PDB file of N, CA and C in Angstrom:
ATOM      1  N   UNK A   1      -0.839  34.076   9.654  1.00  0.00           N
ATOM      2  CA  UNK A   1      -0.464  33.197   8.578  1.00  0.00           C
ATOM      3  C   UNK A   1       1.021  33.023   8.511  1.00  0.00           C
ATOM      4  N   UNK A   2       1.518  34.139   8.687  1.00  0.00           N
ATOM      5  CA  UNK A   2       3.113  34.086   8.631  1.00  0.00           C
ATOM      6  C   UNK A   2       3.706  33.190   9.865  1.00  0.00           C
ATOM      7  N   UNK A   3       2.970  33.089  10.869  1.00  0.00           N
ATOM      8  CA  UNK A   3       3.520  32.332  11.953  1.00  0.00           C
ATOM      9  C   UNK A   3       3.356  30.775  11.601  1.00  0.00           C
ATOM     10  N   UNK A   4       2.101  30.405  10.884  1.00  0.00           N
ATOM     11  CA  UNK A   4       1.859  29.117  10.543  1.00  0.00           C
ATOM     12  C   UNK A   4       3.002  28.539   9.400  1.00  0.00           C
ATOM     13  N   UNK A   5       3.216  29.540   8.619  1.00  0.00           N
ATOM     14  CA  UNK A   5       4.342  29.175   7.405  1.00  0.00           C
ATOM     15  C   UNK A   5       5.727  29.074   8.147  1.00  0.00           C
ATOM     16  N   UNK A   6       5.997  29.723   9.198  1.00  0.00           N
ATOM     17  CA  UNK A   6       7.124  29.725   9.845  1.00  0.00           C
ATOM     18  C   UNK A   6       7.389  28.184  10.479  1.00  0.00           C
ATOM     19  N   UNK A   7       6.197  28.004  11.164  1.00  0.00           N
ATOM     20  CA  UNK A   7       6.192  26.695  11.902  1.00  0.00           C
ATOM     21  C   UNK A   7       6.405  25.443  10.990  1.00  0.00           C
ATOM     22  N   UNK A   8       5.600  25.653   9.821  1.00  0.00           N
ATOM     23  CA  UNK A   8       5.844  24.459   8.901  1.00  0.00           C
ATOM     24  C   UNK A   8       7.225  24.569   8.213  1.00  0.00           C
ATOM     25  N   UNK A   9       7.858  25.478   8.132  1.00  0.00           N
ATOM     26  CA  UNK A   9       9.193  25.480   7.430  1.00  0.00           C
ATOM     27  C   UNK A   9      10.188  24.938   8.591  1.00  0.00           C
ATOM     28  N   UNK A  10      10.052  25.270   9.691  1.00  0.00           N
ATOM     29  CA  UNK A  10      10.842  24.786  10.773  1.00  0.00           C
ATOM     30  C   UNK A  10      10.780  23.180  11.003  1.00  0.00           C
ATOM     31  N   UNK A  11       9.415  22.733  10.840  1.00  0.00           N
ATOM     32  CA  UNK A  11       9.167  21.285  10.890  1.00  0.00           C
ATOM     33  C   UNK A  11       9.810  20.626   9.610  1.00  0.00           C
ATOM     34  N   UNK A  12       9.708  21.206   8.402  1.00  0.00           N
ATOM     35  CA  UNK A  12      10.382  20.520   7.340  1.00  0.00           C
ATOM     36  C   UNK A  12      11.881  20.354   7.475  1.00  0.00           C
ATOM     37  N   UNK A  13      12.413  21.462   8.026  1.00  0.00           N
ATOM     38  CA  UNK A  13      13.845  21.489   8.054  1.00  0.00           C
ATOM     39  C   UNK A  13      14.357  20.419   9.147  1.00  0.00           C
ATOM     40  N   UNK A  14      13.572  20.269  10.231  1.00  0.00           N
ATOM     41  CA  UNK A  14      13.724  19.069  11.108  1.00  0.00           C
ATOM     42  C   UNK A  14      13.640  17.780  10.590  1.00  0.00           C
ATOM     43  N   UNK A  15      12.675  17.786   9.613  1.00  0.00           N
ATOM     44  CA  UNK A  15      12.413  16.367   8.958  1.00  0.00           C
ATOM     45  C   UNK A  15      13.767  15.950   8.031  1.00  0.00           C
ATOM     46  N   UNK A  16      14.084  17.095   7.474  1.00  0.00           N
ATOM     47  CA  UNK A  16      15.281  16.952   6.589  1.00  0.00           C
ATOM     48  C   UNK A  16      16.582  16.497   7.299  1.00  0.00           C
ATOM     49  N   UNK A  17      16.808  17.100   8.547  1.00  0.00           N
ATOM     50  CA  UNK A  17      17.939  16.814   9.284  1.00  0.00           C
ATOM     51  C   UNK A  17      17.841  15.346   9.871  1.00  0.00           C
ATOM     52  N   UNK A  18      16.679  14.811  10.028  1.00  0.00           N
ATOM     53  CA  UNK A  18      16.613  13.404  10.840  1.00  0.00           C
ATOM     54  C   UNK A  18      15.820  12.494   9.699  1.00  0.00           C
ATOM     55  N   UNK A  19      16.380  12.258   8.625  1.00  0.00           N
ATOM     56  CA  UNK A  19      15.567  11.267   7.596  1.00  0.00           C
ATOM     57  C   UNK A  19      15.461   9.900   8.365  1.00  0.00           C
ATOM     58  N   UNK A  20      14.529   9.165   7.712  1.00  0.00           N
ATOM     59  CA  UNK A  20      14.254   7.685   8.192  1.00  0.00           C
ATOM     60  C   UNK A  20      15.416   6.931   7.833  1.00  0.00           C
ATOM     61  N   UNK A  21      15.762   5.795   8.468  1.00  0.00           N
ATOM     62  CA  UNK A  21      16.911   4.833   8.043  1.00  0.00           C
ATOM     63  C   UNK A  21      16.357   4.101   6.709  1.00  0.00           C
ATOM     64  N   UNK A  22      17.209   3.960   5.979  1.00  0.00           N
ATOM     65  CA  UNK A  22      17.050   3.157   4.805  1.00  0.00           C
ATOM     66  C   UNK A  22      16.206   1.855   4.768  1.00  0.00           C
ATOM     67  N   UNK A  23      16.685   1.078   5.909  1.00  0.00           N
ATOM     68  CA  UNK A  23      15.920  -0.019   6.223  1.00  0.00           C
ATOM     69  C   UNK A  23      14.526   0.155   6.557  1.00  0.00           C
ATOM     70  N   UNK A  24      14.173   1.141   7.108  1.00  0.00           N
ATOM     71  CA  UNK A  24      12.739   1.411   7.700  1.00  0.00           C
ATOM     72  C   UNK A  24      12.032   1.793   6.517  1.00  0.00           C
ATOM     73  N   UNK A  25      12.573   2.528   5.530  1.00  0.00           N
ATOM     74  CA  UNK A  25      11.973   2.800   4.200  1.00  0.00           C
ATOM     75  C   UNK A  25      11.451   1.608   3.603  1.00  0.00           C
ATOM     76  N   UNK A  26      12.739   0.829   3.422  1.00  0.00           N
ATOM     77  CA  UNK A  26      12.466  -0.333   2.569  1.00  0.00           C
ATOM     78  C   UNK A  26      11.295  -1.213   3.344  1.00  0.00           C
ATOM     79  N   UNK A  27      11.442  -1.451   4.469  1.00  0.00           N
ATOM     80  CA  UNK A  27      10.413  -2.303   5.325  1.00  0.00           C
ATOM     81  C   UNK A  27       8.946  -1.672   4.876  1.00  0.00           C
ATOM     82  N   UNK A  28       8.789  -0.396   5.067  1.00  0.00           N
ATOM     83  CA  UNK A  28       7.506   0.131   4.952  1.00  0.00           C
ATOM     84  C   UNK A  28       7.242  -0.097   3.362  1.00  0.00           C
ATOM     85  N   UNK A  29       8.012   0.170   2.567  1.00  0.00           N
ATOM     86  CA  UNK A  29       7.748   0.025   1.104  1.00  0.00           C
ATOM     87  C   UNK A  29       7.267  -1.515   0.742  1.00  0.00           C
ATOM     88  N   UNK A  30       7.978  -2.432   1.140  1.00  0.00           N
ATOM     89  CA  UNK A  30       7.811  -3.893   0.930  1.00  0.00           C
ATOM     90  C   UNK A  30       6.389  -4.129   1.647  1.00  0.00           C
ATOM     91  N   UNK A  31       6.113  -3.656   2.814  1.00  0.00           N
ATOM     92  CA  UNK A  31       4.906  -3.945   3.431  1.00  0.00           C
ATOM     93  C   UNK A  31       3.643  -3.323   2.739  1.00  0.00           C
ATOM     94  N   UNK A  32       3.732  -2.175   2.284  1.00  0.00           N
ATOM     95  CA  UNK A  32       2.851  -1.490   1.623  1.00  0.00           C
ATOM     96  C   UNK A  32       2.433  -2.305   0.211  1.00  0.00           C
ATOM     97  N   UNK A  33       3.542  -2.807  -0.468  1.00  0.00           N
ATOM     98  CA  UNK A  33       3.304  -3.413  -1.845  1.00  0.00           C
ATOM     99  C   UNK A  33       2.492  -4.854  -1.382  1.00  0.00           C
ATOM    100  N   UNK A  34       3.083  -5.475  -0.491  1.00  0.00           N
ATOM    101  CA  UNK A  34       2.390  -6.812  -0.031  1.00  0.00           C
ATOM    102  C   UNK A  34       0.965  -6.513   0.375  1.00  0.00           C
ATOM    103  N   UNK A  35       0.662  -5.505   1.225  1.00  0.00           N
ATOM    104  CA  UNK A  35      -0.749  -5.307   1.610  1.00  0.00           C
ATOM    105  C   UNK A  35      -1.532  -4.893   0.374  1.00  0.00           C
ATOM    106  N   UNK A  36      -1.061  -4.298  -0.623  1.00  0.00           N
ATOM    107  CA  UNK A  36      -1.815  -3.805  -1.862  1.00  0.00           C
ATOM    108  C   UNK A  36      -2.153  -5.130  -2.721  1.00  0.00           C
ATOM    109  N   UNK A  37      -1.009  -5.932  -2.770  1.00  0.00           N
ATOM    110  CA  UNK A  37      -1.423  -7.133  -3.579  1.00  0.00           C
ATOM    111  C   UNK A  37      -2.314  -8.103  -2.847  1.00  0.00           C
ATOM    112  N   UNK A  38      -2.216  -8.166  -1.689  1.00  0.00           N
ATOM    113  CA  UNK A  38      -3.118  -8.957  -0.812  1.00  0.00           C
ATOM    114  C   UNK A  38      -4.578  -8.441  -0.999  1.00  0.00           C
ATOM    115  N   UNK A  39      -4.796  -7.137  -0.804  1.00  0.00           N
ATOM    116  CA  UNK A  39      -6.086  -6.468  -0.874  1.00  0.00           C
ATOM    117  C   UNK A  39      -6.552  -6.814  -2.228  1.00  0.00           C
ATOM    118  N   UNK A  40      -5.930  -6.617  -3.323  1.00  0.00           N
ATOM    119  CA  UNK A  40      -6.371  -6.686  -4.681  1.00  0.00           C
ATOM    120  C   UNK A  40      -6.694  -8.310  -4.906  1.00  0.00           C
ATOM    121  N   UNK A  41      -5.904  -9.365  -4.465  1.00  0.00           N
ATOM    122  CA  UNK A  41      -6.213 -10.654  -4.506  1.00  0.00           C
ATOM    123  C   UNK A  41      -7.496 -11.079  -3.801  1.00  0.00           C
ATOM    124  N   UNK A  42      -7.797 -10.451  -2.641  1.00  0.00           N
ATOM    125  CA  UNK A  42      -9.057 -10.792  -2.009  1.00  0.00           C
ATOM    126  C   UNK A  42     -10.091 -10.068  -2.615  1.00  0.00           C
ATOM    127  N   UNK A  43     -10.007  -8.861  -3.015  1.00  0.00           N
ATOM    128  CA  UNK A  43     -11.185  -8.281  -3.924  1.00  0.00           C
ATOM    129  C   UNK A  43     -11.500  -8.995  -5.211  1.00  0.00           C
ATOM    130  N   UNK A  44     -10.497  -9.522  -5.896  1.00  0.00           N
ATOM    131  CA  UNK A  44     -10.765 -10.337  -7.217  1.00  0.00           C
ATOM    132  C   UNK A  44     -11.267 -11.662  -6.776  1.00  0.00           C
ATOM    133  N   UNK A  45     -10.896 -12.322  -5.557  1.00  0.00           N
ATOM    134  CA  UNK A  45     -11.492 -13.733  -5.293  1.00  0.00           C
ATOM    135  C   UNK A  45     -12.887 -13.719  -4.680  1.00  0.00           C
ATOM    136  N   UNK A  46     -13.315 -12.608  -3.972  1.00  0.00           N
ATOM    137  CA  UNK A  46     -14.585 -12.550  -3.288  1.00  0.00           C
ATOM    138  C   UNK A  46     -15.392 -11.292  -3.597  1.00  0.00           C
ATOM    139  N   UNK A  47     -14.963 -10.418  -4.482  1.00  0.00           N
ATOM    140  CA  UNK A  47     -15.533  -9.235  -4.834  1.00  0.00           C
ATOM    141  C   UNK A  47     -16.617  -9.538  -5.998  1.00  0.00           C
ATOM    142  N   UNK A  48     -17.042  -8.455  -6.687  1.00  0.00           N
ATOM    143  CA  UNK A  48     -17.688  -8.556  -7.868  1.00  0.00           C
ATOM    144  C   UNK A  48     -17.025  -9.123  -9.059  1.00  0.00           C
ATOM    145  N   UNK A  49     -15.589  -9.047  -9.302  1.00  0.00           N
ATOM    146  CA  UNK A  49     -14.945  -9.689 -10.375  1.00  0.00           C
ATOM    147  C   UNK A  49     -14.997 -11.199 -10.210  1.00  0.00           C
ATOM    148  N   UNK A  50     -15.363 -11.595  -9.092  1.00  0.00           N
ATOM    149  CA  UNK A  50     -15.331 -13.353  -8.733  1.00  0.00           C
ATOM    150  C   UNK A  50     -16.382 -13.879  -9.619  1.00  0.00           C
ATOM    151  N   UNK A  51     -17.394 -13.164 -10.162  1.00  0.00           N
ATOM    152  CA  UNK A  51     -18.456 -13.802 -10.946  1.00  0.00           C
ATOM    153  C   UNK A  51     -17.859 -14.351 -12.270  1.00  0.00           C
ATOM    154  N   UNK A  52     -16.803 -13.674 -12.771  1.00  0.00           N
ATOM    155  CA  UNK A  52     -16.087 -14.019 -14.089  1.00  0.00           C
ATOM    156  C   UNK A  52     -15.229 -15.144 -13.824  1.00  0.00           C
ATOM    157  N   UNK A  53     -14.804 -15.597 -12.752  1.00  0.00           N
ATOM    158  CA  UNK A  53     -13.854 -16.601 -12.711  1.00  0.00           C
ATOM    159  C   UNK A  53     -14.514 -18.013 -12.872  1.00  0.00           C
ATOM    160  N   UNK A  54     -13.826 -18.953 -13.389  1.00  0.00           N
ATOM    161  CA  UNK A  54     -14.387 -20.182 -13.798  1.00  0.00           C
ATOM    162  C   UNK A  54     -13.586 -21.248 -12.925  1.00  0.00           C
ATOM    163  N   UNK A  55     -14.260 -22.414 -12.551  1.00  0.00           N
ATOM    164  CA  UNK A  55     -13.582 -23.383 -12.010  1.00  0.00           C
ATOM    165  C   UNK A  55     -13.175 -24.544 -12.749  1.00  0.00           C
ATOM    166  N   UNK A  56     -11.870 -24.644 -12.970  1.00  0.00           N
ATOM    167  CA  UNK A  56     -11.534 -25.630 -14.284  1.00  0.00           C
ATOM    168  C   UNK A  56     -11.936 -27.117 -13.897  1.00  0.00           C
ATOM    169  N   UNK A  57     -12.074 -27.381 -12.570  1.00  0.00           N
ATOM    170  CA  UNK A  57     -12.450 -28.603 -12.115  1.00  0.00           C
ATOM    171  C   UNK A  57     -13.878 -29.005 -12.390  1.00  0.00           C
ATOM    172  N   UNK A  58     -14.733 -27.995 -12.193  1.00  0.00           N
ATOM    173  CA  UNK A  58     -16.135 -27.947 -12.712  1.00  0.00           C
ATOM    174  C   UNK A  58     -16.312 -28.226 -14.165  1.00  0.00           C
ATOM    175  N   UNK A  59     -15.551 -27.584 -14.899  1.00  0.00           N
ATOM    176  CA  UNK A  59     -15.618 -27.655 -16.400  1.00  0.00           C
ATOM    177  C   UNK A  59     -15.374 -28.828 -16.948  1.00  0.00           C
ATOM    178  N   UNK A  60     -14.503 -29.754 -16.342  1.00  0.00           N
ATOM    179  CA  UNK A  60     -14.112 -30.924 -16.713  1.00  0.00           C
ATOM    180  C   UNK A  60     -14.392 -32.116 -16.073  1.00  0.00           C
ATOM    181  N   UNK A  61     -15.578 -32.090 -15.432  1.00  0.00           N
ATOM    182  CA  UNK A  61     -15.940 -33.104 -14.409  1.00  0.00           C
ATOM    183  C   UNK A  61     -16.315 -34.295 -15.424  1.00  0.00           C
ATOM    184  N   UNK A  62     -15.987 -35.472 -14.774  1.00  0.00           N
ATOM    185  CA  UNK A  62     -16.226 -36.668 -15.412  1.00  0.00           C
ATOM    186  C   UNK A  62     -17.437 -37.391 -15.070  1.00  0.00           C
TER     187      UNK A  62
END
């Protein structure tokens, strides 16, 4: 158990010495946000909540 903790501590120190570039962090963050928004939009459009959506063109048909 002590060996495991020592290895984990060494790895965390290595990660602190070599942090990711700010541009990489920003790119991953923006990509994650865009993926989350897209996933939610597809779920809303085609999933169970789509039954509550109304078509304004069908509502005002002449």
